[in-house]
Amino acid sequence: QIVKIFTLIIVVTLYITYEVNAQSLPSTINRAKALVDDGKYKDAYKIYQSINEDELNELGESNLMLYNYGKGACLYLMDKYEEAIPFLQKGLGLMEKLPHEDCNYLEMMYGIGACYKKLGNYNKAEEYFRRTILKGNDFNLNCAIRNQTYGEMAELYSLMGKPDFADICTARIESEMKIRNTKNLNAL
């Protein structure tokens, strides 16, 4: 009888622990994101490091995507570009399985391109920057990341010795700014 009670207590304890972890894990990810937003990248990274990836797998692809995106962003912001790429790519791959017509998708793709640019792999950087622009157009998103990507591409093309392409990207930024300003004036 005592063995049955003891076994029941263990099962209930494990279930409660799982439920508490399941509910607190998204808040842990949100706490890490808030630290990133405050510029405390190393503190946020410590939180991401403390998360058990097996728990994330049990909670679904959405949380696993946020985890990889956040951890990759922290690594990028700590100038660990090579380490950031696999996390951003995994997050991007998971997001492609989910409804993803939002700016986070573009930001991950942009982040991968920015990592490659920092590492001097200009061809891979160009590939991801182009994909960012094309996906932004496909989704008809007006995210700030698009102009930022054009700016990065202009700088990238200058580094690659392609000033004509750099000028096209710069002109695109100016064009989009005029369109945005016109829309803002019309809204008044």
Protein backbone atom coordinates (compact mmCIF):
# COMPACT_ATOMS: atom_id res chain seq x y z
CA GLN A 1 0.00 0.00 0.00
CA ILE A 2 2.80 2.44 0.86
CA VAL A 3 4.52 1.64 -2.46
CA LYS A 4 1.31 2.48 -4.34
CA ILE A 5 0.91 5.76 -2.48
CA PHE A 6 4.58 6.60 -3.02
CA THR A 7 4.26 5.79 -6.75
CA LEU A 8 1.14 7.92 -7.01
CA ILE A 9 2.90 10.84 -5.30
CA ILE A 10 5.81 10.57 -7.74
CA VAL A 11 3.49 10.48 -10.76
CA VAL A 12 1.49 13.48 -9.51
CA THR A 13 4.69 15.40 -8.72
CA LEU A 14 6.10 14.70 -12.18
CA TYR A 15 2.85 15.76 -13.81
CA ILE A 16 2.68 18.99 -11.80
CA THR A 17 6.35 19.72 -12.57
CA TYR A 18 5.69 19.18 -16.27
CA GLU A 19 2.61 21.44 -16.20
CA VAL A 20 4.47 24.22 -14.34
CA ASN A 21 7.39 24.00 -16.78
CA ALA A 22 4.99 23.98 -19.73
CA GLN A 23 3.37 27.17 -18.48
CA SER A 24 6.55 28.92 -17.36
CA LEU A 25 8.68 28.16 -20.43
CA PRO A 26 6.99 30.74 -22.68
CA SER A 27 7.37 33.32 -19.91
CA THR A 28 11.06 32.39 -19.62
CA ILE A 29 11.47 32.97 -23.36
CA ASN A 30 9.62 36.30 -23.01
CA ARG A 31 11.90 37.29 -20.11
CA ALA A 32 14.96 36.57 -22.26
CA LYS A 33 13.45 38.60 -25.13
CA ALA A 34 12.86 41.53 -22.77
CA LEU A 35 16.53 41.40 -21.74
CA VAL A 36 17.56 41.49 -25.41
CA ASP A 37 15.28 44.50 -25.93
CA ASP A 38 17.06 46.18 -22.97
CA GLY A 39 20.47 45.46 -24.52
CA LYS A 40 21.39 42.81 -21.93
CA TYR A 41 22.40 40.18 -24.47
CA LYS A 42 24.67 38.13 -22.21
CA ASP A 43 22.00 37.87 -19.52
CA ALA A 44 19.44 36.84 -22.12
CA TYR A 45 21.84 34.29 -23.56
CA LYS A 46 22.28 32.73 -20.11
CA ILE A 47 18.52 32.26 -19.92
CA TYR A 48 18.44 30.65 -23.37
CA GLN A 49 21.31 28.37 -22.31
CA SER A 50 19.34 27.26 -19.23
CA ILE A 51 16.34 26.11 -21.27
CA ASN A 52 16.14 22.39 -21.88
CA GLU A 53 15.56 21.82 -25.59
CA ASP A 54 13.67 18.58 -24.89
CA GLU A 55 11.06 20.62 -22.99
CA LEU A 56 10.77 22.94 -25.97
CA ASN A 57 10.18 20.02 -28.33
CA GLU A 58 7.32 18.89 -26.13
CA LEU A 59 5.75 22.36 -26.21
CA GLY A 60 5.66 22.60 -29.97
CA GLU A 61 7.36 24.15 -32.95
CA SER A 62 6.26 27.69 -32.15
CA ASN A 63 8.19 27.81 -28.86
CA LEU A 64 11.16 26.01 -30.41
CA MET A 65 11.18 28.59 -33.20
CA LEU A 66 11.14 31.47 -30.69
CA TYR A 67 13.93 29.83 -28.73
CA ASN A 68 16.17 29.42 -31.78
CA TYR A 69 15.39 32.91 -33.05
CA GLY A 70 16.13 34.46 -29.67
CA LYS A 71 19.30 32.49 -29.07
CA GLY A 72 20.55 33.23 -32.59
CA ALA A 73 19.80 36.93 -32.14
CA CYS A 74 21.72 36.99 -28.85
CA LEU A 75 24.73 35.33 -30.45
CA TYR A 76 24.64 37.81 -33.34
CA LEU A 77 24.42 40.76 -30.96
CA MET A 78 27.39 39.34 -29.02
CA ASP A 79 29.39 39.23 -32.30
CA LYS A 80 29.31 35.41 -32.45
CA TYR A 81 28.14 35.28 -36.05
CA GLU A 82 29.22 31.77 -36.94
CA GLU A 83 27.48 30.37 -33.85
CA ALA A 84 24.32 32.39 -34.56
CA ILE A 85 23.72 31.07 -38.07
CA PRO A 86 22.58 27.50 -37.17
CA PHE A 87 20.08 28.80 -34.59
CA LEU A 88 18.67 31.38 -36.99
CA GLN A 89 18.46 28.79 -39.76
CA LYS A 90 16.69 26.32 -37.48
CA GLY A 91 14.26 29.04 -36.36
CA LEU A 92 13.64 30.00 -39.98
CA GLY A 93 13.03 26.38 -40.95
CA LEU A 94 10.54 25.95 -38.11
CA MET A 95 8.79 29.19 -39.00
CA GLU A 96 8.37 28.03 -42.59
CA LYS A 97 6.17 25.22 -41.22
CA LEU A 98 3.97 27.77 -39.43
CA PRO A 99 1.83 30.62 -40.79
CA HIS A 100 4.61 33.20 -41.12
CA GLU A 101 3.60 36.28 -43.03
CA ASP A 102 5.14 38.62 -40.49
CA CYS A 103 8.25 40.65 -39.87
CA ASN A 104 9.88 38.06 -37.57
CA TYR A 105 10.36 35.78 -40.56
CA LEU A 106 12.08 38.57 -42.47
CA GLU A 107 14.19 39.48 -39.45
CA MET A 108 15.52 35.92 -39.15
CA MET A 109 16.35 35.78 -42.83
CA TYR A 110 17.98 39.22 -42.62
CA GLY A 111 19.94 38.09 -39.54
CA ILE A 112 21.41 35.14 -41.40
CA GLY A 113 22.47 37.45 -44.23
CA ALA A 114 23.99 39.90 -41.75
CA CYS A 115 25.98 37.08 -40.12
CA TYR A 116 27.36 35.95 -43.46
CA LYS A 117 28.25 39.55 -44.32
CA LYS A 118 30.14 39.97 -41.04
CA LEU A 119 31.97 36.70 -41.76
CA GLY A 120 32.96 37.96 -45.23
CA ASN A 121 30.84 35.42 -47.13
CA TYR A 122 29.31 38.03 -49.42
CA ASN A 123 27.63 35.60 -51.80
CA LYS A 124 25.67 33.91 -49.00
CA ALA A 125 24.89 37.33 -47.49
CA GLU A 126 23.52 38.51 -50.84
CA GLU A 127 21.42 35.35 -51.14
CA TYR A 128 19.75 35.88 -47.77
CA PHE A 129 19.31 39.62 -48.26
CA ARG A 130 17.64 39.00 -51.63
CA ARG A 131 15.37 36.38 -50.06
CA THR A 132 14.44 38.89 -47.35
CA ILE A 133 13.42 41.47 -49.93
CA LEU A 134 11.53 38.96 -52.10
CA LYS A 135 9.64 37.46 -49.16
CA GLY A 136 8.78 40.96 -47.95
CA ASN A 137 7.33 41.69 -51.37
CA ASP A 138 5.49 38.34 -51.46
CA PHE A 139 3.89 39.07 -48.09
CA ASN A 140 3.31 42.73 -48.99
CA LEU A 141 4.87 43.69 -45.67
CA ASN A 142 5.98 47.22 -44.97
CA CYS A 143 8.55 46.36 -42.29
CA ALA A 144 11.48 48.56 -41.39
CA ILE A 145 13.65 45.50 -41.99
CA ARG A 146 13.15 45.87 -45.75
CA ASN A 147 14.81 49.29 -45.85
CA GLN A 148 17.50 48.05 -43.49
CA THR A 149 18.10 45.15 -45.88
CA TYR A 150 18.40 47.50 -48.83
CA GLY A 151 20.95 49.49 -46.83
CA GLU A 152 22.94 46.35 -46.04
CA MET A 153 22.77 45.30 -49.68
CA ALA A 154 24.03 48.71 -50.82
CA GLU A 155 26.99 48.39 -48.46
CA LEU A 156 27.53 44.78 -49.51
CA TYR A 157 27.57 45.67 -53.21
CA SER A 158 30.07 48.44 -52.51
CA LEU A 159 32.32 45.90 -50.77
CA MET A 160 31.89 43.54 -53.72
CA GLY A 161 32.89 46.27 -56.19
CA LYS A 162 29.39 46.60 -57.69
CA PRO A 163 28.63 50.33 -57.30
CA ASP A 164 25.74 50.27 -59.81
CA PHE A 165 23.89 47.70 -57.72
CA ALA A 166 24.69 49.69 -54.57
CA ASP A 167 23.14 52.79 -56.16
CA ILE A 168 19.99 50.85 -57.10
CA CYS A 169 19.56 49.71 -53.48
CA THR A 170 20.09 53.24 -52.16
CA ALA A 171 17.55 54.61 -54.66
CA ARG A 172 15.07 51.95 -53.53
CA ILE A 173 15.37 53.13 -49.92
CA GLU A 174 14.73 56.72 -50.97
CA SER A 175 11.77 55.64 -53.11
CA GLU A 176 10.17 53.68 -50.29
CA MET A 177 10.69 56.58 -47.87
CA LYS A 178 8.87 58.93 -50.27
CA ILE A 179 5.99 56.46 -50.61
CA ARG A 180 5.77 56.07 -46.83
CA ASN A 181 5.85 59.84 -46.30
CA THR A 182 3.10 60.35 -48.89
CA LYS A 183 0.93 57.72 -47.19
CA ASN A 184 1.50 59.46 -43.84
CA LEU A 185 0.49 62.84 -45.29
CA ASN A 186 -2.62 61.34 -46.91
CA ALA A 187 -3.59 59.86 -43.56
CA LEU A 188 -3.75 63.36 -42.06
